[in-house]
């Protein structure tokens, strides 16, 4: 997960996108993600980069990204705080982010449960 946010911090959204779980890649096609991520954070918020901290991971027995999604095993929930200094002042984004190990690789997921 550190690698994901390091890439995001540098605006290397193509590389961060590659670390997404297939569910996330389906939700955000690569071209859309690259354009939208830069647009929202760089253009709307007027920031060039951010700092981030990763909290203590908590292992979950099973978890699913959506209410109807398939249950995933080997999942960890990690609190992430991204801190920005931008056009509209200083602000932080707090998000619970999930990582899952499948086929010897770690993938990043966001929560879309209701």
C-alpha atoms as a PDB file:
ATOM      1  CA  UNK A   1       0.000   0.000   0.000  1.00  0.00           C
ATOM      2  CA  UNK A   2       2.902   2.337   0.678  1.00  0.00           C
ATOM      3  CA  UNK A   3       3.956   1.972  -2.954  1.00  0.00           C
ATOM      4  CA  UNK A   4       0.433   2.892  -4.120  1.00  0.00           C
ATOM      5  CA  UNK A   5       0.396   6.163  -2.173  1.00  0.00           C
ATOM      6  CA  UNK A   6       3.987   6.933  -3.088  1.00  0.00           C
ATOM      7  CA  UNK A   7       3.000   6.756  -6.772  1.00  0.00           C
ATOM      8  CA  UNK A   8      -0.129   8.840  -6.138  1.00  0.00           C
ATOM      9  CA  UNK A   9       1.957  11.410  -4.256  1.00  0.00           C
ATOM     10  CA  UNK A  10       4.211  11.783  -7.291  1.00  0.00           C
ATOM     11  CA  UNK A  11       1.292  12.005  -9.729  1.00  0.00           C
ATOM     12  CA  UNK A  12       2.269   8.632 -11.225  1.00  0.00           C
ATOM     13  CA  UNK A  13      -1.337   7.487 -11.486  1.00  0.00           C
ATOM     14  CA  UNK A  14      -0.630   4.903 -14.178  1.00  0.00           C
ATOM     15  CA  UNK A  15       1.638   3.029 -11.791  1.00  0.00           C
ATOM     16  CA  UNK A  16      -0.712   3.347  -8.825  1.00  0.00           C
ATOM     17  CA  UNK A  17      -3.604   2.085 -10.987  1.00  0.00           C
ATOM     18  CA  UNK A  18      -1.593  -1.071 -11.720  1.00  0.00           C
ATOM     19  CA  UNK A  19      -1.715  -1.917  -7.985  1.00  0.00           C
ATOM     20  CA  UNK A  20      -5.517  -1.949  -7.934  1.00  0.00           C
ATOM     21  CA  UNK A  21      -7.442  -5.176  -7.449  1.00  0.00           C
ATOM     22  CA  UNK A  22      -9.265  -6.302 -10.643  1.00  0.00           C
ATOM     23  CA  UNK A  23     -12.546  -5.078  -9.071  1.00  0.00           C
ATOM     24  CA  UNK A  24     -11.108  -1.555  -8.884  1.00  0.00           C
ATOM     25  CA  UNK A  25      -9.703  -1.739 -12.428  1.00  0.00           C
ATOM     26  CA  UNK A  26     -13.176  -2.651 -13.655  1.00  0.00           C
ATOM     27  CA  UNK A  27     -14.713   0.227 -11.701  1.00  0.00           C
ATOM     28  CA  UNK A  28     -12.111   2.710 -12.975  1.00  0.00           C
ATOM     29  CA  UNK A  29     -10.805   2.011 -16.489  1.00  0.00           C
ATOM     30  CA  UNK A  30      -7.189   3.126 -16.686  1.00  0.00           C
ATOM     31  CA  UNK A  31      -7.664   6.123 -18.998  1.00  0.00           C
ATOM     32  CA  UNK A  32     -10.537   7.467 -16.927  1.00  0.00           C
ATOM     33  CA  UNK A  33      -8.641   7.040 -13.651  1.00  0.00           C
ATOM     34  CA  UNK A  34      -5.516   8.784 -14.946  1.00  0.00           C
ATOM     35  CA  UNK A  35      -7.472  11.762 -16.201  1.00  0.00           C
ATOM     36  CA  UNK A  36      -9.963  12.058 -13.341  1.00  0.00           C
ATOM     37  CA  UNK A  37      -7.518  11.573 -10.472  1.00  0.00           C
ATOM     38  CA  UNK A  38      -5.215  14.299 -11.760  1.00  0.00           C
ATOM     39  CA  UNK A  39      -8.173  16.554 -12.575  1.00  0.00           C
ATOM     40  CA  UNK A  40      -9.811  16.319  -9.156  1.00  0.00           C
ATOM     41  CA  UNK A  41      -6.749  16.594  -6.962  1.00  0.00           C
ATOM     42  CA  UNK A  42      -4.447  18.775  -9.020  1.00  0.00           C
ATOM     43  CA  UNK A  43      -6.932  21.041 -10.788  1.00  0.00           C
ATOM     44  CA  UNK A  44      -9.904  21.309  -8.408  1.00  0.00           C
ATOM     45  CA  UNK A  45      -8.012  21.314  -5.137  1.00  0.00           C
ATOM     46  CA  UNK A  46      -5.003  23.173  -6.523  1.00  0.00           C
ATOM     47  CA  UNK A  47      -2.418  20.859  -5.016  1.00  0.00           C
ATOM     48  CA  UNK A  48       0.789  19.527  -6.492  1.00  0.00           C
ATOM     49  CA  UNK A  49       1.395  16.740  -3.991  1.00  0.00           C
ATOM     50  CA  UNK A  50       0.451  15.552  -0.503  1.00  0.00           C
ATOM     51  CA  UNK A  51       1.863  13.763   2.498  1.00  0.00           C
ATOM     52  CA  UNK A  52       0.320  10.601   3.840  1.00  0.00           C
ATOM     53  CA  UNK A  53       0.398   8.365   6.864  1.00  0.00           C
ATOM     54  CA  UNK A  54      -0.622   4.740   7.051  1.00  0.00           C
ATOM     55  CA  UNK A  55      -2.185   3.505  10.268  1.00  0.00           C
ATOM     56  CA  UNK A  56      -1.939   0.089  11.861  1.00  0.00           C
ATOM     57  CA  UNK A  57      -3.320  -2.681   9.617  1.00  0.00           C
ATOM     58  CA  UNK A  58      -6.161  -4.785  10.998  1.00  0.00           C
ATOM     59  CA  UNK A  59      -6.579  -8.301   9.612  1.00  0.00           C
ATOM     60  CA  UNK A  60     -10.116  -9.227   8.591  1.00  0.00           C
ATOM     61  CA  UNK A  61     -11.313 -12.813   8.221  1.00  0.00           C
ATOM     62  CA  UNK A  62     -13.460 -11.944   5.215  1.00  0.00           C
ATOM     63  CA  UNK A  63     -14.478  -8.718   3.522  1.00  0.00           C
ATOM     64  CA  UNK A  64     -16.236  -7.590   0.359  1.00  0.00           C
ATOM     65  CA  UNK A  65     -15.852  -4.261  -1.473  1.00  0.00           C
ATOM     66  CA  UNK A  66     -19.598  -3.950  -2.172  1.00  0.00           C
ATOM     67  CA  UNK A  67     -22.692  -5.328  -0.473  1.00  0.00           C
ATOM     68  CA  UNK A  68     -23.138  -7.810  -3.331  1.00  0.00           C
ATOM     69  CA  UNK A  69     -19.458  -8.429  -4.090  1.00  0.00           C
ATOM     70  CA  UNK A  70     -17.668 -11.690  -3.548  1.00  0.00           C
ATOM     71  CA  UNK A  71     -16.086 -12.252  -0.156  1.00  0.00           C
ATOM     72  CA  UNK A  72     -12.327 -11.863  -0.132  1.00  0.00           C
ATOM     73  CA  UNK A  73      -9.872 -13.561   2.224  1.00  0.00           C
ATOM     74  CA  UNK A  74      -6.402 -12.388   3.322  1.00  0.00           C
ATOM     75  CA  UNK A  75      -7.661  -8.812   3.685  1.00  0.00           C
ATOM     76  CA  UNK A  76      -6.257  -6.018   5.821  1.00  0.00           C
ATOM     77  CA  UNK A  77      -7.979  -2.722   6.630  1.00  0.00           C
ATOM     78  CA  UNK A  78      -5.569   0.196   6.891  1.00  0.00           C
ATOM     79  CA  UNK A  79      -6.464   3.755   7.890  1.00  0.00           C
ATOM     80  CA  UNK A  80      -4.875   6.275   5.529  1.00  0.00           C
ATOM     81  CA  UNK A  81      -4.611  10.022   6.041  1.00  0.00           C
ATOM     82  CA  UNK A  82      -3.639  12.163   3.064  1.00  0.00           C
ATOM     83  CA  UNK A  83      -2.748  15.763   3.960  1.00  0.00           C
ATOM     84  CA  UNK A  84      -2.966  18.503   1.336  1.00  0.00           C
ATOM     85  CA  UNK A  85      -2.003  22.151   1.078  1.00  0.00           C
ATOM     86  CA  UNK A  86      -3.959  23.709  -1.719  1.00  0.00           C
ATOM     87  CA  UNK A  87      -5.898  26.616  -3.112  1.00  0.00           C
ATOM     88  CA  UNK A  88      -8.655  26.185  -0.520  1.00  0.00           C
ATOM     89  CA  UNK A  89      -6.323  25.821   2.454  1.00  0.00           C
ATOM     90  CA  UNK A  90      -4.950  22.840   4.275  1.00  0.00           C
ATOM     91  CA  UNK A  91      -7.084  19.733   4.557  1.00  0.00           C
ATOM     92  CA  UNK A  92      -6.829  15.998   5.192  1.00  0.00           C
ATOM     93  CA  UNK A  93      -8.606  13.076   3.641  1.00  0.00           C
ATOM     94  CA  UNK A  94      -9.196  10.128   6.011  1.00  0.00           C
ATOM     95  CA  UNK A  95     -10.031   6.813   4.372  1.00  0.00           C
ATOM     96  CA  UNK A  96     -10.138   3.154   5.343  1.00  0.00           C
ATOM     97  CA  UNK A  97      -8.277   1.357   2.559  1.00  0.00           C
ATOM     98  CA  UNK A  98      -8.112  -2.378   2.046  1.00  0.00           C
ATOM     99  CA  UNK A  99      -5.374  -4.618   0.727  1.00  0.00           C
ATOM    100  CA  UNK A 100      -5.861  -8.224  -0.271  1.00  0.00           C
ATOM    101  CA  UNK A 101      -3.362 -10.887  -1.218  1.00  0.00           C
ATOM    102  CA  UNK A 102      -4.318 -13.007  -4.210  1.00  0.00           C
ATOM    103  CA  UNK A 103      -2.038 -15.123  -6.388  1.00  0.00           C
ATOM    104  CA  UNK A 104       1.059 -14.003  -4.445  1.00  0.00           C
ATOM    105  CA  UNK A 105       0.342 -10.296  -5.126  1.00  0.00           C
ATOM    106  CA  UNK A 106      -1.080  -7.534  -2.958  1.00  0.00           C
ATOM    107  CA  UNK A 107      -3.894  -5.390  -4.375  1.00  0.00           C
ATOM    108  CA  UNK A 108      -5.519  -2.144  -3.201  1.00  0.00           C
ATOM    109  CA  UNK A 109      -9.296  -1.751  -2.813  1.00  0.00           C
ATOM    110  CA  UNK A 110     -11.655   0.948  -1.630  1.00  0.00           C
ATOM    111  CA  UNK A 111     -14.900   0.362   0.233  1.00  0.00           C
ATOM    112  CA  UNK A 112     -18.194   0.750  -1.649  1.00  0.00           C
ATOM    113  CA  UNK A 113     -20.548  -0.901   0.854  1.00  0.00           C
ATOM    114  CA  UNK A 114     -23.687   1.007   1.813  1.00  0.00           C
END
